[in-house]
Amino acid sequence: MKKSLLIGLVIMALGLVVPSVTDSEYYLHLFVLAAMFGVLAVYWNLLDGYLGLIHFGYAAFFALGAYTSALVTTRLGWPLLPAFAAGGVVAAVIGGLIIIPCLRMGSYATAIVTLAFAEIMRITATSWTALTKGEMGLWGIPPIFEGAGRTPYVYLITAILAAAVVVLSLIVRSYTGLAYVAIKDDETAAATTGIPVKRIKLTGTMVSCGVAGVVGAFYAHYILTITPALFGIAYTIQIMAMSLFGGKGTLLGPLLGAAVLLLMGEGFRFMENYRLIMYGLVIIATVMLFPEGLIGVVKRGGRLVSRRSGS
């Protein structure tokens, strides 16, 4: 409990410090995106890293939250807080409904089903122009903070990130977290010991998708324009890469991966057409050389320093 709260306080402190270090709207925007993708990477990691569920449609639930919140505020005039909640609830419920038939299948079948669902949602959002305006996208979405610059968004997304990480930390350190590990290691053995495998997979998926929906709602009211591209595989691959690069199956690895990959992507912009090639090569090299991800490199460095200081 104390360690979880400490992690949350460190994240909150970082969010409070950043606006005092720089007033550049560009750098504040990068921080907002890094924190946002950090939440998504951490909760995608809940599925794959802890539960062993290979989920290739995760961005669809991020997009569902964005579209739900945008539509209920622009069409129905809902306040922002209920709209955020609606985005999370819709994503959680649909995420649960999609995963139920997958519980009888293998992990690779789950990957195919979730990928197909995301593509179906992308096509639906593109074609249902009366509701979503198709490729033109939804615009006129009300901002969270009217004319206040990026700083309030930094504070809000930092609070969301801190709360999300504290909650996940408490989950993985509880009995449920131990059940996650048992299910991932050997699902059959876990079931024979009395662990309700299907129920835990269902609730874990709903929590993960619900958080993605809330982050999607934040994104919609931050960017103020959304398109069906949000449902695409590109966003899911980006989230997965951040988790794998940082360290799958760890709490802080995906956060580190999100921050480094986002900054690295911006740093490679001068390479223009070769930027994505370099981006991919760095990810591949890191995963091959350090299977535990960046968090593994940090841990090795820490052990090396402690040995030297001890000697």
C-alpha atoms as a PDB file:
ATOM      1  CA  MET A   1       0.000   0.000   0.000  1.00  0.00           C
ATOM      2  CA  LYS A   2       2.753   2.450   0.971  1.00  0.00           C
ATOM      3  CA  LYS A   3       4.797   1.663  -2.130  1.00  0.00           C
ATOM      4  CA  SER A   4       1.747   2.141  -4.370  1.00  0.00           C
ATOM      5  CA  LEU A   5       0.974   5.533  -2.826  1.00  0.00           C
ATOM      6  CA  LEU A   6       4.623   6.550  -3.110  1.00  0.00           C
ATOM      7  CA  ILE A   7       4.578   5.818  -6.841  1.00  0.00           C
ATOM      8  CA  GLY A   8       1.426   7.913  -7.201  1.00  0.00           C
ATOM      9  CA  LEU A   9       2.937  10.818  -5.262  1.00  0.00           C
ATOM     10  CA  VAL A  10       6.102  10.745  -7.407  1.00  0.00           C
ATOM     11  CA  ILE A  11       4.002  10.894 -10.582  1.00  0.00           C
ATOM     12  CA  MET A  12       1.934  13.775  -9.182  1.00  0.00           C
ATOM     13  CA  ALA A  13       5.095  15.646  -8.195  1.00  0.00           C
ATOM     14  CA  LEU A  14       6.468  15.221 -11.716  1.00  0.00           C
ATOM     15  CA  GLY A  15       3.283  16.638 -13.184  1.00  0.00           C
ATOM     16  CA  LEU A  16       3.466  19.654 -10.872  1.00  0.00           C
ATOM     17  CA  VAL A  17       7.123  20.302 -11.695  1.00  0.00           C
ATOM     18  CA  VAL A  18       6.924  20.133 -15.497  1.00  0.00           C
ATOM     19  CA  PRO A  19       4.890  23.358 -16.048  1.00  0.00           C
ATOM     20  CA  SER A  20       7.282  25.237 -13.749  1.00  0.00           C
ATOM     21  CA  VAL A  21      10.291  24.020 -15.749  1.00  0.00           C
ATOM     22  CA  THR A  22       8.937  24.977 -19.173  1.00  0.00           C
ATOM     23  CA  ASP A  23       6.089  27.109 -20.475  1.00  0.00           C
ATOM     24  CA  SER A  24       6.491  25.809 -24.050  1.00  0.00           C
ATOM     25  CA  GLU A  25       3.118  24.639 -25.344  1.00  0.00           C
ATOM     26  CA  TYR A  26       4.945  22.084 -27.508  1.00  0.00           C
ATOM     27  CA  TYR A  27       6.774  20.412 -24.614  1.00  0.00           C
ATOM     28  CA  LEU A  28       3.696  20.499 -22.414  1.00  0.00           C
ATOM     29  CA  HIS A  29       1.764  18.837 -25.248  1.00  0.00           C
ATOM     30  CA  LEU A  30       4.425  16.102 -25.468  1.00  0.00           C
ATOM     31  CA  PHE A  31       4.116  15.512 -21.726  1.00  0.00           C
ATOM     32  CA  VAL A  32       0.329  15.207 -22.006  1.00  0.00           C
ATOM     33  CA  LEU A  33       0.667  12.664 -24.827  1.00  0.00           C
ATOM     34  CA  ALA A  34       3.361  10.711 -22.966  1.00  0.00           C
ATOM     35  CA  ALA A  35       1.196  10.497 -19.839  1.00  0.00           C
ATOM     36  CA  MET A  36      -1.869   9.546 -21.878  1.00  0.00           C
ATOM     37  CA  PHE A  37      -0.077   6.776 -23.765  1.00  0.00           C
ATOM     38  CA  GLY A  38       1.545   5.753 -20.485  1.00  0.00           C
ATOM     39  CA  VAL A  39      -1.886   4.944 -19.030  1.00  0.00           C
ATOM     40  CA  LEU A  40      -2.839   3.012 -22.176  1.00  0.00           C
ATOM     41  CA  ALA A  41       0.428   1.044 -22.222  1.00  0.00           C
ATOM     42  CA  VAL A  42       0.135   0.188 -18.522  1.00  0.00           C
ATOM     43  CA  TYR A  43      -3.402  -1.143 -18.900  1.00  0.00           C
ATOM     44  CA  TRP A  44      -2.717  -2.996 -22.154  1.00  0.00           C
ATOM     45  CA  ASN A  45       0.096  -4.594 -20.170  1.00  0.00           C
ATOM     46  CA  LEU A  46      -2.502  -5.680 -17.598  1.00  0.00           C
ATOM     47  CA  LEU A  47      -4.010  -7.899 -20.298  1.00  0.00           C
ATOM     48  CA  ASP A  48      -0.911  -9.288 -21.974  1.00  0.00           C
ATOM     49  CA  GLY A  49       1.788  -8.849 -19.352  1.00  0.00           C
ATOM     50  CA  TYR A  50      -0.202 -10.081 -16.362  1.00  0.00           C
ATOM     51  CA  LEU A  51      -3.158 -12.086 -17.701  1.00  0.00           C
ATOM     52  CA  GLY A  52      -1.588 -13.482 -20.867  1.00  0.00           C
ATOM     53  CA  LEU A  53      -4.418 -12.176 -23.098  1.00  0.00           C
ATOM     54  CA  ILE A  54      -3.070 -11.097 -26.482  1.00  0.00           C
ATOM     55  CA  HIS A  55      -5.268  -8.108 -27.368  1.00  0.00           C
ATOM     56  CA  PHE A  56      -4.866  -6.613 -30.856  1.00  0.00           C
ATOM     57  CA  GLY A  57      -7.915  -4.339 -30.711  1.00  0.00           C
ATOM     58  CA  TYR A  58      -7.090  -2.223 -27.678  1.00  0.00           C
ATOM     59  CA  ALA A  59      -7.168   1.109 -29.510  1.00  0.00           C
ATOM     60  CA  ALA A  60     -10.816   0.426 -30.434  1.00  0.00           C
ATOM     61  CA  PHE A  61     -11.829   0.874 -26.783  1.00  0.00           C
ATOM     62  CA  PHE A  62      -9.801   4.057 -26.537  1.00  0.00           C
ATOM     63  CA  ALA A  63     -11.700   5.251 -29.620  1.00  0.00           C
ATOM     64  CA  LEU A  64     -15.057   4.091 -28.217  1.00  0.00           C
ATOM     65  CA  GLY A  65     -14.491   6.237 -25.152  1.00  0.00           C
ATOM     66  CA  ALA A  66     -13.539   9.197 -27.329  1.00  0.00           C
ATOM     67  CA  TYR A  67     -16.578   8.896 -29.608  1.00  0.00           C
ATOM     68  CA  THR A  68     -18.994   8.217 -26.740  1.00  0.00           C
ATOM     69  CA  SER A  69     -17.909  11.271 -24.774  1.00  0.00           C
ATOM     70  CA  ALA A  70     -17.790  13.467 -27.876  1.00  0.00           C
ATOM     71  CA  LEU A  71     -21.265  12.421 -29.007  1.00  0.00           C
ATOM     72  CA  VAL A  72     -23.042  12.759 -25.657  1.00  0.00           C
ATOM     73  CA  THR A  73     -21.579  16.232 -25.138  1.00  0.00           C
ATOM     74  CA  THR A  74     -22.158  17.563 -28.666  1.00  0.00           C
ATOM     75  CA  ARG A  75     -25.508  15.856 -29.393  1.00  0.00           C
ATOM     76  CA  LEU A  76     -27.073  15.504 -25.944  1.00  0.00           C
ATOM     77  CA  GLY A  77     -25.405  18.361 -24.080  1.00  0.00           C
ATOM     78  CA  TRP A  78     -24.065  16.215 -21.242  1.00  0.00           C
ATOM     79  CA  PRO A  79     -21.602  17.737 -18.749  1.00  0.00           C
ATOM     80  CA  LEU A  80     -18.018  16.539 -19.048  1.00  0.00           C
ATOM     81  CA  LEU A  81     -17.838  14.392 -15.907  1.00  0.00           C
ATOM     82  CA  PRO A  82     -20.814  12.146 -16.840  1.00  0.00           C
ATOM     83  CA  ALA A  83     -19.482  12.081 -20.427  1.00  0.00           C
ATOM     84  CA  PHE A  84     -16.106  10.767 -19.220  1.00  0.00           C
ATOM     85  CA  ALA A  85     -17.897   8.145 -17.118  1.00  0.00           C
ATOM     86  CA  ALA A  86     -20.032   7.147 -20.110  1.00  0.00           C
ATOM     87  CA  GLY A  87     -16.910   6.703 -22.232  1.00  0.00           C
ATOM     88  CA  GLY A  88     -15.404   4.396 -19.636  1.00  0.00           C
ATOM     89  CA  VAL A  89     -18.605   2.393 -19.059  1.00  0.00           C
ATOM     90  CA  VAL A  90     -19.311   1.865 -22.775  1.00  0.00           C
ATOM     91  CA  ALA A  91     -15.743   0.718 -23.413  1.00  0.00           C
ATOM     92  CA  ALA A  92     -15.798  -1.595 -20.379  1.00  0.00           C
ATOM     93  CA  VAL A  93     -19.144  -3.201 -21.235  1.00  0.00           C
ATOM     94  CA  ILE A  94     -18.313  -3.745 -24.907  1.00  0.00           C
ATOM     95  CA  GLY A  95     -14.858  -4.987 -23.969  1.00  0.00           C
ATOM     96  CA  GLY A  96     -16.476  -7.539 -21.678  1.00  0.00           C
ATOM     97  CA  LEU A  97     -18.989  -8.643 -24.316  1.00  0.00           C
ATOM     98  CA  ILE A  98     -16.217  -9.134 -26.876  1.00  0.00           C
ATOM     99  CA  ILE A  99     -14.010 -11.149 -24.519  1.00  0.00           C
ATOM    100  CA  ILE A 100     -16.753 -13.536 -23.304  1.00  0.00           C
ATOM    101  CA  PRO A 101     -16.706 -15.797 -26.405  1.00  0.00           C
ATOM    102  CA  CYS A 102     -12.894 -15.545 -26.461  1.00  0.00           C
ATOM    103  CA  LEU A 103     -12.676 -17.172 -23.031  1.00  0.00           C
ATOM    104  CA  ARG A 104     -13.354 -20.534 -24.676  1.00  0.00           C
ATOM    105  CA  MET A 105     -10.619 -19.961 -27.242  1.00  0.00           C
ATOM    106  CA  GLY A 106      -6.844 -19.805 -27.147  1.00  0.00           C
ATOM    107  CA  SER A 107      -4.860 -16.590 -26.787  1.00  0.00           C
ATOM    108  CA  TYR A 108      -4.154 -16.392 -30.517  1.00  0.00           C
ATOM    109  CA  ALA A 109      -7.849 -16.692 -31.319  1.00  0.00           C
ATOM    110  CA  THR A 110      -8.445 -13.817 -28.897  1.00  0.00           C
ATOM    111  CA  ALA A 111      -5.914 -11.737 -30.821  1.00  0.00           C
ATOM    112  CA  ILE A 112      -7.749 -12.381 -34.099  1.00  0.00           C
ATOM    113  CA  VAL A 113     -11.196 -11.656 -32.644  1.00  0.00           C
ATOM    114  CA  THR A 114     -10.126  -8.373 -31.061  1.00  0.00           C
ATOM    115  CA  LEU A 115      -8.310  -7.298 -34.224  1.00  0.00           C
ATOM    116  CA  ALA A 116     -11.422  -8.058 -36.291  1.00  0.00           C
ATOM    117  CA  PHE A 117     -13.610  -6.124 -33.837  1.00  0.00           C
ATOM    118  CA  ALA A 118     -11.382  -3.055 -34.105  1.00  0.00           C
ATOM    119  CA  GLU A 119     -11.526  -3.185 -37.907  1.00  0.00           C
ATOM    120  CA  ILE A 120     -15.321  -3.572 -37.854  1.00  0.00           C
ATOM    121  CA  MET A 121     -15.583  -0.532 -35.592  1.00  0.00           C
ATOM    122  CA  ARG A 122     -13.294   1.487 -37.874  1.00  0.00           C
ATOM    123  CA  ILE A 123     -15.432   0.645 -40.918  1.00  0.00           C
ATOM    124  CA  THR A 124     -18.615   1.419 -38.975  1.00  0.00           C
ATOM    125  CA  ALA A 125     -17.299   4.794 -37.816  1.00  0.00           C
ATOM    126  CA  THR A 126     -16.245   5.584 -41.394  1.00  0.00           C
ATOM    127  CA  SER A 127     -19.556   4.561 -42.963  1.00  0.00           C
ATOM    128  CA  TRP A 128     -22.052   5.850 -40.380  1.00  0.00           C
ATOM    129  CA  THR A 129     -21.698   9.453 -41.485  1.00  0.00           C
ATOM    130  CA  ALA A 130     -25.009  10.574 -39.972  1.00  0.00           C
ATOM    131  CA  LEU A 131     -23.616   9.843 -36.514  1.00  0.00           C
ATOM    132  CA  THR A 132     -19.834  10.121 -36.808  1.00  0.00           C
ATOM    133  CA  LYS A 133     -19.406  12.303 -39.930  1.00  0.00           C
ATOM    134  CA  GLY A 134     -17.159   9.585 -41.339  1.00  0.00           C
ATOM    135  CA  GLU A 135     -13.667  10.473 -42.504  1.00  0.00           C
ATOM    136  CA  MET A 136     -14.407  14.155 -41.981  1.00  0.00           C
ATOM    137  CA  GLY A 137     -14.332  13.430 -38.277  1.00  0.00           C
ATOM    138  CA  LEU A 138     -16.207  14.873 -35.330  1.00  0.00           C
ATOM    139  CA  TRP A 139     -15.359  18.459 -34.481  1.00  0.00           C
ATOM    140  CA  GLY A 140     -16.777  21.127 -32.218  1.00  0.00           C
ATOM    141  CA  ILE A 141     -16.060  18.946 -29.185  1.00  0.00           C
ATOM    142  CA  PRO A 142     -16.104  21.122 -26.033  1.00  0.00           C
ATOM    143  CA  PRO A 143     -12.708  21.500 -24.339  1.00  0.00           C
ATOM    144  CA  ILE A 144     -12.196  20.592 -20.708  1.00  0.00           C
ATOM    145  CA  PHE A 145     -10.579  23.954 -19.958  1.00  0.00           C
ATOM    146  CA  GLU A 146     -11.712  26.880 -22.082  1.00  0.00           C
ATOM    147  CA  GLY A 147      -8.802  29.046 -23.274  1.00  0.00           C
ATOM    148  CA  ALA A 148      -6.482  27.960 -20.469  1.00  0.00           C
ATOM    149  CA  GLY A 149      -3.512  26.617 -22.442  1.00  0.00           C
ATOM    150  CA  ARG A 150      -1.880  23.227 -21.866  1.00  0.00           C
ATOM    151  CA  THR A 151      -0.989  23.512 -18.178  1.00  0.00           C
ATOM    152  CA  PRO A 152      -4.394  22.442 -16.731  1.00  0.00           C
ATOM    153  CA  TYR A 153      -4.353  19.435 -19.069  1.00  0.00           C
ATOM    154  CA  VAL A 154      -0.924  18.482 -17.704  1.00  0.00           C
ATOM    155  CA  TYR A 155      -2.326  18.508 -14.171  1.00  0.00           C
ATOM    156  CA  LEU A 156      -5.442  16.529 -15.118  1.00  0.00           C
ATOM    157  CA  ILE A 157      -3.711  13.792 -17.115  1.00  0.00           C
ATOM    158  CA  THR A 158      -1.069  13.509 -14.378  1.00  0.00           C
ATOM    159  CA  ALA A 159      -3.830  12.929 -11.816  1.00  0.00           C
ATOM    160  CA  ILE A 160      -5.429  10.312 -14.086  1.00  0.00           C
ATOM    161  CA  LEU A 161      -2.061   8.613 -14.606  1.00  0.00           C
ATOM    162  CA  ALA A 162      -1.227   8.611 -10.896  1.00  0.00           C
ATOM    163  CA  ALA A 163      -4.645   7.194  -9.948  1.00  0.00           C
ATOM    164  CA  ALA A 164      -4.449   4.553 -12.698  1.00  0.00           C
ATOM    165  CA  VAL A 165      -0.976   3.399 -11.651  1.00  0.00           C
ATOM    166  CA  VAL A 166      -1.863   3.313  -7.927  1.00  0.00           C
ATOM    167  CA  VAL A 167      -4.997   1.250  -8.617  1.00  0.00           C
ATOM    168  CA  LEU A 168      -3.104  -1.181 -10.846  1.00  0.00           C
ATOM    169  CA  SER A 169      -0.298  -1.445  -8.300  1.00  0.00           C
ATOM    170  CA  LEU A 170      -2.816  -2.363  -5.602  1.00  0.00           C
ATOM    171  CA  ILE A 171      -4.417  -4.922  -7.918  1.00  0.00           C
ATOM    172  CA  VAL A 172      -1.203  -6.704  -8.920  1.00  0.00           C
ATOM    173  CA  ARG A 173       0.016  -6.832  -5.308  1.00  0.00           C
ATOM    174  CA  SER A 174      -3.252  -8.365  -4.078  1.00  0.00           C
ATOM    175  CA  TYR A 175      -4.649 -11.907  -4.232  1.00  0.00           C
ATOM    176  CA  THR A 176      -6.122 -11.024  -7.612  1.00  0.00           C
ATOM    177  CA  GLY A 177      -2.666 -10.108  -8.873  1.00  0.00           C
ATOM    178  CA  LEU A 178      -1.316 -13.470  -7.744  1.00  0.00           C
ATOM    179  CA  ALA A 179      -4.207 -15.109  -9.578  1.00  0.00           C
ATOM    180  CA  TYR A 180      -3.246 -13.154 -12.717  1.00  0.00           C
ATOM    181  CA  VAL A 181       0.277 -14.567 -12.577  1.00  0.00           C
ATOM    182  CA  ALA A 182      -1.012 -18.101 -11.962  1.00  0.00           C
ATOM    183  CA  ILE A 183      -3.398 -17.854 -14.925  1.00  0.00           C
ATOM    184  CA  LYS A 184      -0.675 -16.568 -17.215  1.00  0.00           C
ATOM    185  CA  ASP A 185       1.795 -19.272 -16.166  1.00  0.00           C
ATOM    186  CA  ASP A 186      -0.629 -22.212 -16.403  1.00  0.00           C
ATOM    187  CA  GLU A 187      -4.334 -21.607 -16.874  1.00  0.00           C
ATOM    188  CA  THR A 188      -5.306 -25.237 -16.354  1.00  0.00           C
ATOM    189  CA  ALA A 189      -3.335 -25.553 -13.127  1.00  0.00           C
ATOM    190  CA  ALA A 190      -4.815 -22.282 -11.886  1.00  0.00           C
ATOM    191  CA  ALA A 191      -8.339 -23.538 -12.522  1.00  0.00           C
ATOM    192  CA  THR A 192      -7.671 -26.785 -10.625  1.00  0.00           C
ATOM    193  CA  THR A 193      -6.635 -24.803  -7.540  1.00  0.00           C
ATOM    194  CA  GLY A 194     -10.005 -23.067  -7.459  1.00  0.00           C
ATOM    195  CA  ILE A 195      -9.096 -19.787  -9.181  1.00  0.00           C
ATOM    196  CA  PRO A 196     -12.135 -18.506 -11.167  1.00  0.00           C
ATOM    197  CA  VAL A 197     -10.163 -18.089 -14.389  1.00  0.00           C
ATOM    198  CA  LYS A 198     -12.970 -16.909 -16.658  1.00  0.00           C
ATOM    199  CA  ARG A 199     -14.349 -14.402 -14.140  1.00  0.00           C
ATOM    200  CA  ILE A 200     -10.898 -12.924 -13.476  1.00  0.00           C
ATOM    201  CA  LYS A 201     -10.163 -12.631 -17.196  1.00  0.00           C
ATOM    202  CA  LEU A 202     -13.527 -10.957 -17.765  1.00  0.00           C
ATOM    203  CA  THR A 203     -13.186  -8.436 -14.933  1.00  0.00           C
ATOM    204  CA  GLY A 204      -9.545  -7.720 -15.822  1.00  0.00           C
ATOM    205  CA  THR A 205     -10.530  -7.028 -19.425  1.00  0.00           C
ATOM    206  CA  MET A 206     -13.396  -4.769 -18.401  1.00  0.00           C
ATOM    207  CA  VAL A 207     -11.145  -2.760 -16.074  1.00  0.00           C
ATOM    208  CA  SER A 208      -8.486  -2.408 -18.782  1.00  0.00           C
ATOM    209  CA  CYS A 209     -10.961  -1.411 -21.505  1.00  0.00           C
ATOM    210  CA  GLY A 210     -12.800   0.942 -19.150  1.00  0.00           C
ATOM    211  CA  VAL A 211      -9.589   2.830 -18.374  1.00  0.00           C
ATOM    212  CA  ALA A 212      -8.861   3.035 -22.110  1.00  0.00           C
ATOM    213  CA  GLY A 213     -12.328   4.530 -22.600  1.00  0.00           C
ATOM    214  CA  VAL A 214     -11.737   7.228 -19.969  1.00  0.00           C
ATOM    215  CA  VAL A 215      -8.402   8.126 -21.569  1.00  0.00           C
ATOM    216  CA  GLY A 216     -10.154   8.246 -24.944  1.00  0.00           C
ATOM    217  CA  ALA A 217     -12.698  10.687 -23.519  1.00  0.00           C
ATOM    218  CA  PHE A 218      -9.855  12.857 -22.238  1.00  0.00           C
ATOM    219  CA  TYR A 219      -8.221  12.732 -25.680  1.00  0.00           C
ATOM    220  CA  ALA A 220     -11.430  13.813 -27.445  1.00  0.00           C
ATOM    221  CA  HIS A 221     -11.852  16.875 -25.227  1.00  0.00           C
ATOM    222  CA  TYR A 222      -8.157  17.698 -25.443  1.00  0.00           C
ATOM    223  CA  ILE A 223      -7.603  17.408 -29.214  1.00  0.00           C
ATOM    224  CA  LEU A 224     -11.217  18.515 -29.975  1.00  0.00           C
ATOM    225  CA  THR A 225     -11.357  16.564 -33.269  1.00  0.00           C
ATOM    226  CA  ILE A 226     -11.510  12.783 -33.693  1.00  0.00           C
ATOM    227  CA  THR A 227     -11.603  10.525 -36.766  1.00  0.00           C
ATOM    228  CA  PRO A 228     -12.168   6.785 -37.420  1.00  0.00           C
ATOM    229  CA  ALA A 229      -8.383   6.366 -37.651  1.00  0.00           C
ATOM    230  CA  LEU A 230      -8.424   6.090 -33.844  1.00  0.00           C
ATOM    231  CA  PHE A 231      -9.846   2.565 -34.252  1.00  0.00           C
ATOM    232  CA  GLY A 232      -6.953   1.536 -36.501  1.00  0.00           C
ATOM    233  CA  ILE A 233      -4.285  -1.049 -35.751  1.00  0.00           C
ATOM    234  CA  ALA A 234      -1.578   1.646 -35.838  1.00  0.00           C
ATOM    235  CA  TYR A 235      -2.569   2.987 -32.409  1.00  0.00           C
ATOM    236  CA  THR A 236      -2.728  -0.506 -30.910  1.00  0.00           C
ATOM    237  CA  ILE A 237       0.729  -1.326 -32.305  1.00  0.00           C
ATOM    238  CA  GLN A 238       2.062   1.895 -30.814  1.00  0.00           C
ATOM    239  CA  ILE A 239       0.637   1.023 -27.382  1.00  0.00           C
ATOM    240  CA  MET A 240       1.970  -2.533 -27.600  1.00  0.00           C
ATOM    241  CA  ALA A 241       5.418  -1.303 -28.659  1.00  0.00           C
ATOM    242  CA  MET A 242       5.574   1.042 -25.675  1.00  0.00           C
ATOM    243  CA  SER A 243       4.747  -1.786 -23.287  1.00  0.00           C
ATOM    244  CA  LEU A 244       7.202  -4.260 -24.844  1.00  0.00           C
ATOM    245  CA  PHE A 245       9.950  -1.648 -25.174  1.00  0.00           C
ATOM    246  CA  GLY A 246       9.592  -0.574 -21.550  1.00  0.00           C
ATOM    247  CA  GLY A 247       9.153  -4.036 -20.091  1.00  0.00           C
ATOM    248  CA  LYS A 248       6.066  -6.228 -20.374  1.00  0.00           C
ATOM    249  CA  GLY A 249       4.804  -7.715 -17.137  1.00  0.00           C
ATOM    250  CA  THR A 250       6.160  -4.865 -15.004  1.00  0.00           C
ATOM    251  CA  LEU A 251       4.352  -1.914 -13.481  1.00  0.00           C
ATOM    252  CA  LEU A 252       6.657   0.953 -14.435  1.00  0.00           C
ATOM    253  CA  GLY A 253       8.182  -0.484 -17.631  1.00  0.00           C
ATOM    254  CA  PRO A 254       5.297   0.576 -19.926  1.00  0.00           C
ATOM    255  CA  LEU A 255       5.425   4.110 -18.465  1.00  0.00           C
ATOM    256  CA  LEU A 256       9.120   4.334 -19.247  1.00  0.00           C
ATOM    257  CA  GLY A 257       8.552   2.882 -22.709  1.00  0.00           C
ATOM    258  CA  ALA A 258       5.785   5.379 -23.483  1.00  0.00           C
ATOM    259  CA  ALA A 259       7.916   8.362 -22.474  1.00  0.00           C
ATOM    260  CA  VAL A 260      11.066   7.229 -24.299  1.00  0.00           C
ATOM    261  CA  LEU A 261       9.359   6.128 -27.518  1.00  0.00           C
ATOM    262  CA  LEU A 262       7.282   9.293 -27.763  1.00  0.00           C
ATOM    263  CA  LEU A 263      10.318  11.524 -27.267  1.00  0.00           C
ATOM    264  CA  MET A 264      12.393   9.355 -29.603  1.00  0.00           C
ATOM    265  CA  GLY A 265       9.750   9.613 -32.304  1.00  0.00           C
ATOM    266  CA  GLU A 266       9.848  13.396 -32.043  1.00  0.00           C
ATOM    267  CA  GLY A 267      13.651  13.383 -32.026  1.00  0.00           C
ATOM    268  CA  PHE A 268      13.764  11.419 -35.292  1.00  0.00           C
ATOM    269  CA  ARG A 269      11.559  13.900 -37.160  1.00  0.00           C
ATOM    270  CA  PHE A 270      14.591  15.455 -38.832  1.00  0.00           C
ATOM    271  CA  MET A 271      15.064  12.140 -40.687  1.00  0.00           C
ATOM    272  CA  GLU A 272      11.737  12.669 -42.486  1.00  0.00           C
ATOM    273  CA  ASN A 273      10.903   9.550 -44.556  1.00  0.00           C
ATOM    274  CA  TYR A 274      13.450   7.423 -42.681  1.00  0.00           C
ATOM    275  CA  ARG A 275      12.077   8.319 -39.250  1.00  0.00           C
ATOM    276  CA  LEU A 276       9.805   5.289 -38.887  1.00  0.00           C
ATOM    277  CA  ILE A 277      12.549   2.952 -40.105  1.00  0.00           C
ATOM    278  CA  MET A 278      14.923   4.163 -37.396  1.00  0.00           C
ATOM    279  CA  TYR A 279      12.112   4.081 -34.858  1.00  0.00           C
ATOM    280  CA  GLY A 280      11.411   0.438 -35.670  1.00  0.00           C
ATOM    281  CA  LEU A 281      15.082  -0.569 -35.697  1.00  0.00           C
ATOM    282  CA  VAL A 282      15.656   0.885 -32.226  1.00  0.00           C
ATOM    283  CA  ILE A 283      12.636  -0.995 -30.845  1.00  0.00           C
ATOM    284  CA  ILE A 284      13.727  -4.280 -32.452  1.00  0.00           C
ATOM    285  CA  ALA A 285      17.322  -3.918 -31.261  1.00  0.00           C
ATOM    286  CA  THR A 286      16.258  -3.108 -27.706  1.00  0.00           C
ATOM    287  CA  VAL A 287      13.798  -6.008 -27.456  1.00  0.00           C
ATOM    288  CA  MET A 288      16.355  -8.443 -28.910  1.00  0.00           C
ATOM    289  CA  LEU A 289      19.271  -7.307 -26.729  1.00  0.00           C
ATOM    290  CA  PHE A 290      17.211  -6.710 -23.592  1.00  0.00           C
ATOM    291  CA  PRO A 291      14.154  -9.032 -23.523  1.00  0.00           C
ATOM    292  CA  GLU A 292      13.071  -7.488 -20.211  1.00  0.00           C
ATOM    293  CA  GLY A 293      12.874  -4.059 -21.863  1.00  0.00           C
ATOM    294  CA  LEU A 294      14.210  -0.750 -20.604  1.00  0.00           C
ATOM    295  CA  ILE A 295      13.133  -1.497 -17.055  1.00  0.00           C
ATOM    296  CA  GLY A 296      15.447  -4.505 -17.149  1.00  0.00           C
ATOM    297  CA  VAL A 297      18.326  -2.257 -18.194  1.00  0.00           C
ATOM    298  CA  VAL A 298      17.533   0.100 -15.302  1.00  0.00           C
ATOM    299  CA  LYS A 299      17.429  -2.783 -12.809  1.00  0.00           C
ATOM    300  CA  ARG A 300      20.746  -4.175 -14.072  1.00  0.00           C
ATOM    301  CA  GLY A 301      22.317  -0.751 -13.785  1.00  0.00           C
ATOM    302  CA  GLY A 302      21.001  -0.399 -10.254  1.00  0.00           C
ATOM    303  CA  ARG A 303      22.403  -3.777  -9.219  1.00  0.00           C
ATOM    304  CA  LEU A 304      25.774  -2.922 -10.779  1.00  0.00           C
ATOM    305  CA  VAL A 305      25.937   0.398  -8.907  1.00  0.00           C
ATOM    306  CA  SER A 306      24.996  -1.249  -5.609  1.00  0.00           C
ATOM    307  CA  ARG A 307      27.693  -3.907  -6.058  1.00  0.00           C
ATOM    308  CA  ARG A 308      30.358  -1.312  -6.776  1.00  0.00           C
ATOM    309  CA  SER A 309      29.305   0.867  -3.883  1.00  0.00           C
ATOM    310  CA  GLY A 310      29.250  -2.190  -1.616  1.00  0.00           C
ATOM    311  CA  SER A 311      32.757  -3.189  -2.619  1.00  0.00           C
END
